Every structure is written in C-alpha cells, then in structure tokens.
C-alpha cells in the first residue's frame, strides 16, 4: 500500500481513479455517446488489434489504452 497525505491508498482505488479519468477524457474528446462507440467498435493497433473494451476486460493499464487512443486519433495536447 502507498501512503498519500496520511491516507492509505490501495492499488484498487488508484485503478478506479485512473479508469474514471480515462472515461472523462474519452467523453471530453469524443462526446459521451461516441466515446462508447469508439471503445466498443474501433480496433487499435497500439492495443494489439483489440478494442478499448477488450483491452479493459483483459486488464490492460488505462494509461496504455489512452496512449493507443492518442496515437490513432487527433487528441489535443491538453488531454494527452
């Protein structure tokens, strides 16, 4: 476990924060409806030919998934 400002933070809660931030970025860039479509329908080279949903199900790190999104879509620098 990791201590942060006096609170114990587990890797599970960190993963939840990262996943929440990932979906916030997806929604901000694509819009909430289209973000779900991108996650479900687009196969990304950076994910080994998987979709975002497949990569999440496989337990891929959301940072790796976001990097793959940024490689395949014109994501603005402020969201990278």
Protein backbone atom coordinates (compact mmCIF):
# COMPACT_ATOMS: atom_id res chain seq x y z
CA UNK A 1 0.00 0.00 0.00
CA UNK A 2 1.01 3.57 -0.58
CA UNK A 3 0.59 6.45 1.85
CA UNK A 4 -0.62 9.74 0.48
CA UNK A 5 -1.27 12.75 2.73
CA UNK A 6 -1.97 10.50 5.68
CA UNK A 7 -4.46 8.25 3.91
CA UNK A 8 -3.70 4.72 2.79
CA UNK A 9 -4.40 4.33 -0.89
CA UNK A 10 -4.74 0.85 -2.33
CA UNK A 11 -3.90 -0.02 -5.91
CA UNK A 12 -7.58 -0.88 -6.42
CA UNK A 13 -8.70 2.68 -5.60
CA UNK A 14 -5.92 4.11 -7.79
CA UNK A 15 -7.12 1.95 -10.67
CA UNK A 16 -10.66 3.25 -10.15
CA UNK A 17 -9.42 6.84 -10.25
CA UNK A 18 -7.43 6.16 -13.41
CA UNK A 19 -10.39 4.50 -15.07
CA UNK A 20 -12.66 7.39 -14.10
CA UNK A 21 -10.19 9.89 -15.52
CA UNK A 22 -9.86 7.79 -18.69
CA UNK A 23 -13.63 7.90 -19.30
CA UNK A 24 -13.73 11.62 -18.52
CA UNK A 25 -11.08 12.21 -21.20
CA UNK A 26 -12.89 9.94 -23.65
CA UNK A 27 -16.16 11.80 -23.05
CA UNK A 28 -14.48 15.20 -23.33
CA UNK A 29 -12.76 14.35 -26.59
CA UNK A 30 -15.40 12.25 -28.36
CA UNK A 31 -18.63 13.11 -26.53
CA UNK A 32 -20.22 10.52 -24.25
CA UNK A 33 -22.19 8.61 -26.90
CA UNK A 34 -19.37 8.46 -29.44
CA UNK A 35 -16.81 7.58 -26.75
CA UNK A 36 -18.75 4.38 -26.06
CA UNK A 37 -18.78 3.59 -29.78
CA UNK A 38 -15.04 4.19 -30.09
CA UNK A 39 -14.42 1.93 -27.10
CA UNK A 40 -16.60 -0.84 -28.49
CA UNK A 41 -16.06 -0.65 -32.25
CA UNK A 42 -12.57 0.62 -33.11
CA UNK A 43 -9.72 -1.88 -33.24
CA UNK A 44 -6.46 -0.18 -32.26
CA UNK A 45 -3.01 -1.21 -33.47
CA UNK A 46 -1.47 0.01 -30.22
CA UNK A 47 -3.63 -2.47 -28.33
CA UNK A 48 -2.53 -5.43 -30.40
CA UNK A 49 -5.62 -5.39 -32.59
CA UNK A 50 -8.06 -5.12 -29.69
CA UNK A 51 -10.78 -2.62 -28.94
CA UNK A 52 -10.69 -0.44 -25.84
CA UNK A 53 -13.37 -2.62 -24.25
CA UNK A 54 -11.39 -5.80 -24.97
CA UNK A 55 -8.21 -4.25 -23.56
CA UNK A 56 -10.04 -3.11 -20.41
CA UNK A 57 -11.54 -6.58 -19.98
CA UNK A 58 -8.06 -8.08 -20.40
CA UNK A 59 -6.79 -5.84 -17.59
CA UNK A 60 -4.62 -3.57 -19.73
CA UNK A 61 -3.37 -0.44 -17.95
CA UNK A 62 -5.62 2.52 -18.83
CA UNK A 63 -2.52 4.63 -19.49
CA UNK A 64 -1.50 2.22 -22.25
CA UNK A 65 -5.04 2.32 -23.64
CA UNK A 66 -5.11 6.13 -23.60
CA UNK A 67 -1.74 6.25 -25.36
CA UNK A 68 -3.16 3.99 -28.09
CA UNK A 69 -6.19 6.30 -28.44
CA UNK A 70 -3.86 9.30 -28.76
CA UNK A 71 -1.80 7.52 -31.42
CA UNK A 72 -4.83 6.72 -33.58
CA UNK A 73 -6.99 9.82 -33.07
CA UNK A 74 -6.18 13.56 -33.14
CA UNK A 75 -6.40 14.10 -29.38
CA UNK A 76 -5.49 17.66 -28.32
CA UNK A 77 -2.34 18.11 -26.27
CA UNK A 78 -4.31 19.28 -23.21
CA UNK A 79 -5.92 15.82 -22.96
CA UNK A 80 -2.78 13.79 -23.61
